Amino acid sequence: MIELRQSELRVVADLASHDLPNSIVVLDELATTAPMAAQAIGIDVGRIVKSLIFVGQESGAPIMILVSGANRVHEKRAGHQIGQKLGRADADLVRETTGFAIGGVSPLGHLKSIPIYMDEDLFAFETVWAAAGNARSVFEITPDDLARVTDATRITVT
C-alpha cells in the first residue's frame, strides 16, 4: 500500500469530516494538468476540477475558482460575478494559502479559509475528479457534494 503524504492526509481528513468517502487514488504517473489527469483516469477532461487561485485586485485576498478541465477562466467575466477584478496568484501565495504546490492543489484541506467559486459546467457531470493535495493523487466526488463541502458559489467562468 502506498503511504500518503501529509498534504494528501489533510484532504482525506477533510473528506471524512464531511462524511464523504475518503478514498484517494494515487496515480501511476504525475497529473499536473487537466489533460494529464483525464488521460491517467480515463475520463473526459471536462470532469477534471482545476483548483485555481486568483487574487482580488482590490482586496489583495486569495480567491479559489473550481473550473472544469475543459474551460479557461474568462477573468473579466468571472471577476464581475465575484465583485472584483482578478489577478493571478503566484506560487508562493498558492502554497501559503492552500498548503499545496501548483499542479496538486485540492479544493479541500486548505491551510487558510478562502472564498471558493465553482464553474457551472461541472454540474453537467454525475461525478468529477479533483487533485488530492499532490500531482500524483485525485479523488472522485459529485459536483453537489463538492459545492456543499467547499461552500462554493456557482458562477459561469467562460
N, C-alpha and C. Protein backbone atom coordinates (compact mmCIF):
# COMPACT_ATOMS: atom_id res chain seq x y z
N MET A 1 0.84 -1.19 0.00
CA MET A 1 0.00 0.00 0.00
C MET A 1 0.89 1.25 0.00
N ILE A 2 0.49 2.23 -0.78
CA ILE A 2 1.25 3.47 -0.89
C ILE A 2 0.94 4.36 0.31
N GLU A 3 1.99 4.89 0.90
CA GLU A 3 1.82 5.79 2.04
C GLU A 3 1.47 7.18 1.53
N LEU A 4 0.42 7.77 2.12
CA LEU A 4 0.00 9.10 1.70
C LEU A 4 0.88 10.16 2.34
N ARG A 5 1.07 11.25 1.61
CA ARG A 5 1.84 12.39 2.10
C ARG A 5 0.96 13.25 3.00
N GLN A 6 1.59 14.13 3.78
CA GLN A 6 0.84 15.00 4.70
C GLN A 6 -0.23 15.80 3.98
N SER A 7 0.10 16.33 2.80
CA SER A 7 -0.87 17.13 2.05
C SER A 7 -2.08 16.28 1.66
N GLU A 8 -1.85 15.04 1.30
CA GLU A 8 -2.95 14.13 0.92
C GLU A 8 -3.77 13.75 2.15
N LEU A 9 -3.11 13.58 3.28
CA LEU A 9 -3.81 13.23 4.52
C LEU A 9 -4.76 14.35 4.96
N ARG A 10 -4.40 15.61 4.69
CA ARG A 10 -5.30 16.73 5.01
C ARG A 10 -6.58 16.62 4.18
N VAL A 11 -6.45 16.22 2.92
CA VAL A 11 -7.63 16.06 2.07
C VAL A 11 -8.49 14.90 2.57
N VAL A 12 -7.86 13.78 2.92
CA VAL A 12 -8.57 12.62 3.47
C VAL A 12 -9.36 13.04 4.72
N ALA A 13 -8.71 13.79 5.61
CA ALA A 13 -9.37 14.23 6.84
C ALA A 13 -10.54 15.16 6.56
N ASP A 14 -10.37 16.05 5.58
CA ASP A 14 -11.45 16.98 5.24
C ASP A 14 -12.64 16.22 4.65
N LEU A 15 -12.38 15.26 3.77
CA LEU A 15 -13.47 14.43 3.22
C LEU A 15 -14.19 13.70 4.35
N ALA A 16 -13.43 13.10 5.24
CA ALA A 16 -14.02 12.34 6.36
C ALA A 16 -14.85 13.24 7.27
N SER A 17 -14.40 14.47 7.46
CA SER A 17 -15.13 15.40 8.35
C SER A 17 -16.50 15.75 7.78
N HIS A 18 -16.68 15.54 6.49
CA HIS A 18 -17.97 15.81 5.84
C HIS A 18 -18.73 14.52 5.54
N ASP A 19 -18.30 13.43 6.16
CA ASP A 19 -18.93 12.12 5.97
C ASP A 19 -18.96 11.69 4.50
N LEU A 20 -17.88 12.00 3.80
CA LEU A 20 -17.75 11.58 2.40
C LEU A 20 -16.71 10.47 2.30
N PRO A 21 -16.82 9.63 1.28
CA PRO A 21 -15.78 8.61 1.10
C PRO A 21 -14.43 9.31 0.98
N ASN A 22 -13.46 8.82 1.72
CA ASN A 22 -12.16 9.49 1.72
C ASN A 22 -11.12 8.66 1.00
N SER A 23 -11.55 8.05 -0.09
CA SER A 23 -10.63 7.22 -0.85
C SER A 23 -9.94 8.04 -1.93
N ILE A 24 -8.65 8.19 -1.74
CA ILE A 24 -7.80 8.90 -2.70
C ILE A 24 -7.17 7.86 -3.62
N VAL A 25 -7.14 8.20 -4.90
CA VAL A 25 -6.50 7.34 -5.89
C VAL A 25 -5.12 7.91 -6.18
N VAL A 26 -4.09 7.12 -5.95
CA VAL A 26 -2.73 7.53 -6.29
C VAL A 26 -2.44 6.99 -7.68
N LEU A 27 -2.17 7.90 -8.59
CA LEU A 27 -1.96 7.55 -9.99
C LEU A 27 -0.56 6.99 -10.23
N ASP A 28 -0.41 6.26 -11.31
CA ASP A 28 0.90 5.71 -11.67
C ASP A 28 1.85 6.78 -12.17
N GLU A 29 1.28 7.87 -12.72
CA GLU A 29 2.12 8.96 -13.20
C GLU A 29 1.60 10.29 -12.67
N LEU A 30 2.43 11.32 -12.69
CA LEU A 30 2.01 12.63 -12.24
C LEU A 30 0.97 13.19 -13.18
N ALA A 31 0.05 13.96 -12.64
CA ALA A 31 -1.01 14.58 -13.43
C ALA A 31 -1.08 16.06 -13.06
N THR A 32 -0.12 16.82 -13.54
CA THR A 32 -0.04 18.23 -13.18
C THR A 32 -0.95 19.13 -14.00
N THR A 33 -1.57 18.58 -15.05
CA THR A 33 -2.52 19.35 -15.87
C THR A 33 -3.82 18.56 -15.98
N ALA A 34 -4.89 19.27 -16.33
CA ALA A 34 -6.18 18.61 -16.51
C ALA A 34 -6.12 17.52 -17.58
N PRO A 35 -5.52 17.77 -18.76
CA PRO A 35 -5.45 16.69 -19.76
C PRO A 35 -4.66 15.47 -19.26
N MET A 36 -3.58 15.71 -18.52
CA MET A 36 -2.80 14.59 -17.97
C MET A 36 -3.65 13.78 -16.99
N ALA A 37 -4.39 14.46 -16.13
CA ALA A 37 -5.23 13.78 -15.14
C ALA A 37 -6.34 12.99 -15.84
N ALA A 38 -6.98 13.61 -16.83
CA ALA A 38 -8.06 12.94 -17.55
C ALA A 38 -7.55 11.68 -18.24
N GLN A 39 -6.38 11.77 -18.84
CA GLN A 39 -5.81 10.61 -19.52
C GLN A 39 -5.46 9.51 -18.51
N ALA A 40 -4.89 9.90 -17.38
CA ALA A 40 -4.49 8.91 -16.37
C ALA A 40 -5.69 8.19 -15.78
N ILE A 41 -6.82 8.90 -15.63
CA ILE A 41 -8.02 8.30 -15.05
C ILE A 41 -8.86 7.61 -16.12
N GLY A 42 -8.75 8.10 -17.36
CA GLY A 42 -9.54 7.54 -18.46
C GLY A 42 -10.91 8.17 -18.57
N ILE A 43 -10.98 9.49 -18.37
CA ILE A 43 -12.26 10.21 -18.42
C ILE A 43 -12.15 11.43 -19.31
N ASP A 44 -13.29 12.06 -19.58
CA ASP A 44 -13.34 13.30 -20.34
C ASP A 44 -12.70 14.42 -19.52
N VAL A 45 -11.92 15.27 -20.17
CA VAL A 45 -11.21 16.35 -19.46
C VAL A 45 -12.17 17.31 -18.75
N GLY A 46 -13.39 17.41 -19.22
CA GLY A 46 -14.38 18.27 -18.57
C GLY A 46 -14.71 17.85 -17.16
N ARG A 47 -14.48 16.58 -16.82
CA ARG A 47 -14.77 16.06 -15.47
C ARG A 47 -13.64 16.33 -14.48
N ILE A 48 -12.54 16.90 -14.95
CA ILE A 48 -11.43 17.24 -14.06
C ILE A 48 -11.71 18.61 -13.45
N VAL A 49 -11.50 18.73 -12.15
CA VAL A 49 -11.66 20.00 -11.45
C VAL A 49 -10.29 20.66 -11.32
N LYS A 50 -10.14 21.82 -11.94
CA LYS A 50 -8.92 22.61 -11.75
C LYS A 50 -9.19 23.55 -10.58
N SER A 51 -8.35 23.51 -9.56
CA SER A 51 -8.48 24.38 -8.39
C SER A 51 -7.51 25.54 -8.57
N LEU A 52 -8.03 26.66 -9.06
CA LEU A 52 -7.18 27.79 -9.42
C LEU A 52 -7.30 28.91 -8.38
N ILE A 53 -6.16 29.48 -8.03
CA ILE A 53 -6.14 30.58 -7.08
C ILE A 53 -5.90 31.89 -7.83
N PHE A 54 -6.75 32.85 -7.56
CA PHE A 54 -6.62 34.20 -8.09
C PHE A 54 -6.47 35.14 -6.90
N VAL A 55 -6.16 36.40 -7.19
CA VAL A 55 -6.06 37.43 -6.16
C VAL A 55 -7.05 38.52 -6.53
N GLY A 56 -7.86 38.91 -5.55
CA GLY A 56 -8.74 40.06 -5.77
C GLY A 56 -7.89 41.31 -5.85
N GLN A 57 -7.98 42.04 -6.96
CA GLN A 57 -7.10 43.20 -7.17
C GLN A 57 -7.36 44.30 -6.15
N GLU A 58 -8.61 44.47 -5.72
CA GLU A 58 -8.91 45.50 -4.72
C GLU A 58 -8.53 45.04 -3.31
N SER A 59 -8.85 43.80 -2.98
CA SER A 59 -8.65 43.30 -1.62
C SER A 59 -7.25 42.72 -1.40
N GLY A 60 -6.63 42.23 -2.47
CA GLY A 60 -5.35 41.53 -2.32
C GLY A 60 -5.51 40.14 -1.74
N ALA A 61 -6.75 39.71 -1.51
CA ALA A 61 -7.03 38.42 -0.88
C ALA A 61 -7.13 37.31 -1.92
N PRO A 62 -6.69 36.09 -1.55
CA PRO A 62 -6.81 34.96 -2.46
C PRO A 62 -8.26 34.52 -2.62
N ILE A 63 -8.57 34.05 -3.82
CA ILE A 63 -9.90 33.55 -4.18
C ILE A 63 -9.68 32.29 -4.99
N MET A 64 -10.41 31.21 -4.66
CA MET A 64 -10.30 29.97 -5.44
C MET A 64 -11.49 29.84 -6.38
N ILE A 65 -11.19 29.42 -7.60
CA ILE A 65 -12.24 29.07 -8.55
C ILE A 65 -12.02 27.63 -8.98
N LEU A 66 -13.05 26.81 -8.80
CA LEU A 66 -13.03 25.40 -9.23
C LEU A 66 -13.58 25.37 -10.65
N VAL A 67 -12.74 24.96 -11.60
CA VAL A 67 -13.03 25.10 -13.02
C VAL A 67 -13.00 23.74 -13.71
N SER A 68 -13.94 23.52 -14.61
CA SER A 68 -13.92 22.32 -15.44
C SER A 68 -12.62 22.31 -16.23
N GLY A 69 -12.01 21.13 -16.32
CA GLY A 69 -10.77 20.98 -17.07
C GLY A 69 -10.88 21.36 -18.53
N ALA A 70 -12.10 21.43 -19.04
CA ALA A 70 -12.31 21.79 -20.45
C ALA A 70 -12.38 23.31 -20.64
N ASN A 71 -12.43 24.06 -19.54
CA ASN A 71 -12.64 25.50 -19.63
C ASN A 71 -11.42 26.32 -19.21
N ARG A 72 -11.38 27.52 -19.75
CA ARG A 72 -10.42 28.55 -19.31
C ARG A 72 -11.23 29.66 -18.65
N VAL A 73 -10.70 30.22 -17.59
CA VAL A 73 -11.41 31.27 -16.87
C VAL A 73 -11.31 32.58 -17.66
N HIS A 74 -12.47 33.15 -17.95
CA HIS A 74 -12.53 34.50 -18.51
C HIS A 74 -12.47 35.42 -17.29
N GLU A 75 -11.27 35.93 -17.00
CA GLU A 75 -11.03 36.65 -15.74
C GLU A 75 -11.93 37.86 -15.57
N LYS A 76 -12.18 38.59 -16.62
CA LYS A 76 -13.02 39.79 -16.51
C LYS A 76 -14.46 39.40 -16.16
N ARG A 77 -15.00 38.40 -16.87
CA ARG A 77 -16.38 37.97 -16.63
C ARG A 77 -16.52 37.34 -15.24
N ALA A 78 -15.57 36.47 -14.87
CA ALA A 78 -15.63 35.83 -13.55
C ALA A 78 -15.48 36.88 -12.45
N GLY A 79 -14.55 37.81 -12.64
CA GLY A 79 -14.35 38.86 -11.65
C GLY A 79 -15.59 39.71 -11.46
N HIS A 80 -16.29 39.98 -12.55
CA HIS A 80 -17.54 40.75 -12.46
C HIS A 80 -18.56 40.02 -11.56
N GLN A 81 -18.67 38.69 -11.74
CA GLN A 81 -19.61 37.92 -10.92
C GLN A 81 -19.17 37.86 -9.46
N ILE A 82 -17.85 37.82 -9.24
CA ILE A 82 -17.31 37.74 -7.89
C ILE A 82 -17.38 39.11 -7.19
N GLY A 83 -17.28 40.17 -7.99
CA GLY A 83 -17.39 41.51 -7.43
C GLY A 83 -16.08 42.27 -7.34
N GLN A 84 -15.03 41.73 -7.96
CA GLN A 84 -13.77 42.47 -8.03
C GLN A 84 -12.91 41.92 -9.16
N LYS A 85 -11.99 42.76 -9.64
CA LYS A 85 -11.09 42.34 -10.70
C LYS A 85 -10.17 41.25 -10.15
N LEU A 86 -9.84 40.29 -11.01
CA LEU A 86 -9.00 39.17 -10.61
C LEU A 86 -7.61 39.28 -11.22
N GLY A 87 -6.63 38.89 -10.44
CA GLY A 87 -5.26 38.76 -10.92
C GLY A 87 -4.78 37.36 -10.59
N ARG A 88 -3.73 36.92 -11.23
CA ARG A 88 -3.18 35.58 -10.98
C ARG A 88 -2.37 35.58 -9.68
N ALA A 89 -2.52 34.53 -8.91
CA ALA A 89 -1.72 34.35 -7.70
C ALA A 89 -0.39 33.71 -8.06
N ASP A 90 0.66 34.07 -7.35
CA ASP A 90 1.94 33.41 -7.60
C ASP A 90 2.03 32.12 -6.79
N ALA A 91 3.03 31.33 -7.10
CA ALA A 91 3.17 30.00 -6.48
C ALA A 91 3.31 30.09 -4.96
N ASP A 92 3.97 31.14 -4.47
CA ASP A 92 4.14 31.28 -3.02
C ASP A 92 2.80 31.51 -2.33
N LEU A 93 1.96 32.38 -2.90
CA LEU A 93 0.65 32.63 -2.31
C LEU A 93 -0.22 31.38 -2.35
N VAL A 94 -0.14 30.63 -3.44
CA VAL A 94 -0.92 29.39 -3.56
C VAL A 94 -0.53 28.44 -2.44
N ARG A 95 0.76 28.22 -2.24
CA ARG A 95 1.22 27.29 -1.21
C ARG A 95 0.90 27.82 0.19
N GLU A 96 1.10 29.12 0.42
CA GLU A 96 0.83 29.72 1.73
C GLU A 96 -0.64 29.60 2.11
N THR A 97 -1.53 29.76 1.12
CA THR A 97 -2.97 29.74 1.38
C THR A 97 -3.52 28.32 1.49
N THR A 98 -3.11 27.46 0.56
CA THR A 98 -3.70 26.12 0.50
C THR A 98 -2.85 25.04 1.15
N GLY A 99 -1.54 25.26 1.18
CA GLY A 99 -0.63 24.22 1.65
C GLY A 99 -0.24 23.25 0.56
N PHE A 100 -0.64 23.54 -0.68
CA PHE A 100 -0.37 22.65 -1.81
C PHE A 100 0.47 23.38 -2.85
N ALA A 101 1.26 22.60 -3.59
CA ALA A 101 2.02 23.15 -4.71
C ALA A 101 1.13 23.16 -5.95
N ILE A 102 1.37 24.14 -6.82
CA ILE A 102 0.64 24.20 -8.09
C ILE A 102 0.83 22.87 -8.82
N GLY A 103 -0.27 22.35 -9.37
CA GLY A 103 -0.24 21.04 -10.03
C GLY A 103 -0.89 19.97 -9.18
N GLY A 104 -1.05 20.26 -7.87
CA GLY A 104 -1.69 19.31 -6.97
C GLY A 104 -2.64 19.99 -6.00
N VAL A 105 -3.08 21.21 -6.34
CA VAL A 105 -3.94 21.98 -5.44
C VAL A 105 -5.32 21.33 -5.38
N SER A 106 -5.74 21.02 -4.17
CA SER A 106 -7.03 20.40 -3.93
C SER A 106 -8.06 21.47 -3.55
N PRO A 107 -9.33 21.20 -3.83
CA PRO A 107 -10.37 22.12 -3.36
C PRO A 107 -10.64 21.98 -1.86
N LEU A 108 -10.04 20.96 -1.24
CA LEU A 108 -10.24 20.68 0.19
C LEU A 108 -8.90 20.66 0.92
N GLY A 109 -8.97 20.78 2.25
CA GLY A 109 -7.77 20.62 3.07
C GLY A 109 -6.84 21.82 3.09
N HIS A 110 -7.39 23.01 2.87
CA HIS A 110 -6.57 24.22 2.83
C HIS A 110 -6.06 24.61 4.22
N LEU A 111 -4.94 25.32 4.24
CA LEU A 111 -4.39 25.84 5.49
C LEU A 111 -5.18 27.04 5.98
N LYS A 112 -5.72 27.83 5.04
CA LYS A 112 -6.48 29.03 5.39
C LYS A 112 -7.83 28.99 4.70
N SER A 113 -8.82 29.57 5.34
CA SER A 113 -10.16 29.66 4.76
C SER A 113 -10.17 30.76 3.69
N ILE A 114 -10.66 30.41 2.50
CA ILE A 114 -10.75 31.38 1.42
C ILE A 114 -12.10 31.22 0.71
N PRO A 115 -12.60 32.29 0.09
CA PRO A 115 -13.84 32.15 -0.68
C PRO A 115 -13.60 31.27 -1.90
N ILE A 116 -14.59 30.43 -2.19
CA ILE A 116 -14.48 29.50 -3.31
C ILE A 116 -15.69 29.67 -4.23
N TYR A 117 -15.41 29.69 -5.52
CA TYR A 117 -16.43 29.78 -6.57
C TYR A 117 -16.29 28.55 -7.44
N MET A 118 -17.40 28.13 -8.05
CA MET A 118 -17.39 26.86 -8.80
C MET A 118 -18.04 27.03 -10.16
N ASP A 119 -17.36 26.56 -11.17
CA ASP A 119 -17.79 26.59 -12.57
C ASP A 119 -19.10 25.83 -12.73
N GLU A 120 -20.11 26.52 -13.26
CA GLU A 120 -21.42 25.90 -13.53
C GLU A 120 -21.30 24.64 -14.38
N ASP A 121 -20.32 24.61 -15.30
CA ASP A 121 -20.20 23.48 -16.22
C ASP A 121 -19.89 22.16 -15.51
N LEU A 122 -19.32 22.22 -14.31
CA LEU A 122 -19.03 20.98 -13.58
C LEU A 122 -20.30 20.24 -13.19
N PHE A 123 -21.41 20.97 -13.07
CA PHE A 123 -22.67 20.35 -12.64
C PHE A 123 -23.33 19.52 -13.75
N ALA A 124 -22.76 19.51 -14.94
CA ALA A 124 -23.27 18.68 -16.04
C ALA A 124 -22.87 17.21 -15.87
N PHE A 125 -21.95 16.94 -14.94
CA PHE A 125 -21.43 15.58 -14.77
C PHE A 125 -21.95 14.95 -13.48
N GLU A 126 -22.11 13.62 -13.53
CA GLU A 126 -22.55 12.88 -12.34
C GLU A 126 -21.49 12.96 -11.25
N THR A 127 -20.24 12.76 -11.63
CA THR A 127 -19.12 12.91 -10.70
C THR A 127 -17.99 13.64 -11.40
N VAL A 128 -17.13 14.25 -10.58
CA VAL A 128 -15.94 14.93 -11.08
C VAL A 128 -14.74 14.46 -10.27
N TRP A 129 -13.55 14.74 -10.78
CA TRP A 129 -12.32 14.31 -10.12
C TRP A 129 -11.46 15.54 -9.83
N ALA A 130 -10.93 15.62 -8.62
CA ALA A 130 -10.10 16.75 -8.22
C ALA A 130 -8.78 16.26 -7.66
N ALA A 131 -7.78 17.13 -7.69
CA ALA A 131 -6.49 16.81 -7.09
C ALA A 131 -6.67 16.61 -5.59
N ALA A 132 -5.88 15.72 -5.05
CA ALA A 132 -5.98 15.39 -3.62
C ALA A 132 -4.75 15.83 -2.85
N GLY A 133 -4.22 17.00 -3.21
CA GLY A 133 -3.11 17.55 -2.45
C GLY A 133 -1.74 17.28 -3.00
N ASN A 134 -1.69 16.58 -4.13
CA ASN A 134 -0.42 16.25 -4.76
C ASN A 134 -0.68 15.97 -6.23
N ALA A 135 0.29 16.19 -7.08
CA ALA A 135 0.12 15.96 -8.52
C ALA A 135 -0.04 14.48 -8.86
N ARG A 136 0.13 13.60 -7.88
CA ARG A 136 0.01 12.16 -8.14
C ARG A 136 -1.32 11.59 -7.66
N SER A 137 -2.16 12.41 -7.00
CA SER A 137 -3.36 11.86 -6.36
C SER A 137 -4.61 12.65 -6.70
N VAL A 138 -5.73 11.92 -6.76
CA VAL A 138 -7.03 12.50 -7.09
C VAL A 138 -8.12 11.84 -6.24
N PHE A 139 -9.29 12.49 -6.23
CA PHE A 139 -10.46 11.86 -5.60
C PHE A 139 -11.69 12.19 -6.43
N GLU A 140 -12.68 11.32 -6.34
CA GLU A 140 -13.94 11.49 -7.09
C GLU A 140 -15.02 11.98 -6.14
N ILE A 141 -15.87 12.89 -6.63
CA ILE A 141 -16.91 13.49 -5.81
C ILE A 141 -18.03 13.98 -6.73
N THR A 142 -19.25 14.04 -6.22
CA THR A 142 -20.32 14.63 -7.02
C THR A 142 -20.16 16.16 -6.98
N PRO A 143 -20.56 16.83 -8.05
CA PRO A 143 -20.47 18.30 -8.04
C PRO A 143 -21.27 18.92 -6.88
N ASP A 144 -22.44 18.36 -6.57
CA ASP A 144 -23.23 18.90 -5.47
C ASP A 144 -22.51 18.77 -4.13
N ASP A 145 -21.87 17.61 -3.90
CA ASP A 145 -21.11 17.44 -2.66
C ASP A 145 -19.92 18.38 -2.62
N LEU A 146 -19.25 18.56 -3.76
CA LEU A 146 -18.09 19.46 -3.80
C LEU A 146 -18.52 20.89 -3.48
N ALA A 147 -19.63 21.33 -4.06
CA ALA A 147 -20.13 22.68 -3.78
C ALA A 147 -20.51 22.81 -2.30
N ARG A 148 -21.13 21.78 -1.76
CA ARG A 148 -21.57 21.82 -0.36
C ARG A 148 -20.40 21.90 0.60
N VAL A 149 -19.42 21.02 0.44
CA VAL A 149 -18.32 20.95 1.42
C VAL A 149 -17.34 22.12 1.28
N THR A 150 -17.29 22.76 0.12
CA THR A 150 -16.41 23.93 -0.05
C THR A 150 -17.17 25.24 0.13
N ASP A 151 -18.50 25.15 0.29
CA ASP A 151 -19.35 26.33 0.39
C ASP A 151 -19.15 27.23 -0.82
N ALA A 152 -19.02 26.60 -1.99
CA ALA A 152 -18.73 27.32 -3.23
C ALA A 152 -19.98 28.00 -3.79
N THR A 153 -19.76 29.16 -4.35
CA THR A 153 -20.77 29.90 -5.08
C THR A 153 -20.64 29.56 -6.55
N ARG A 154 -21.75 29.20 -7.18
CA ARG A 154 -21.72 28.82 -8.59
C ARG A 154 -21.63 30.06 -9.47
N ILE A 155 -20.70 30.01 -10.46
CA ILE A 155 -20.54 31.09 -11.42
C ILE A 155 -20.28 30.52 -12.81
N THR A 156 -20.42 31.35 -13.81
CA THR A 156 -20.04 31.00 -15.17
C THR A 156 -18.63 31.54 -15.38
N VAL A 157 -17.70 30.69 -15.78
CA VAL A 157 -16.30 31.12 -15.88
C VAL A 157 -15.85 31.43 -17.30
N THR A 158 -16.62 30.99 -18.30
CA THR A 158 -16.19 31.19 -19.68
C THR A 158 -16.85 32.40 -20.31
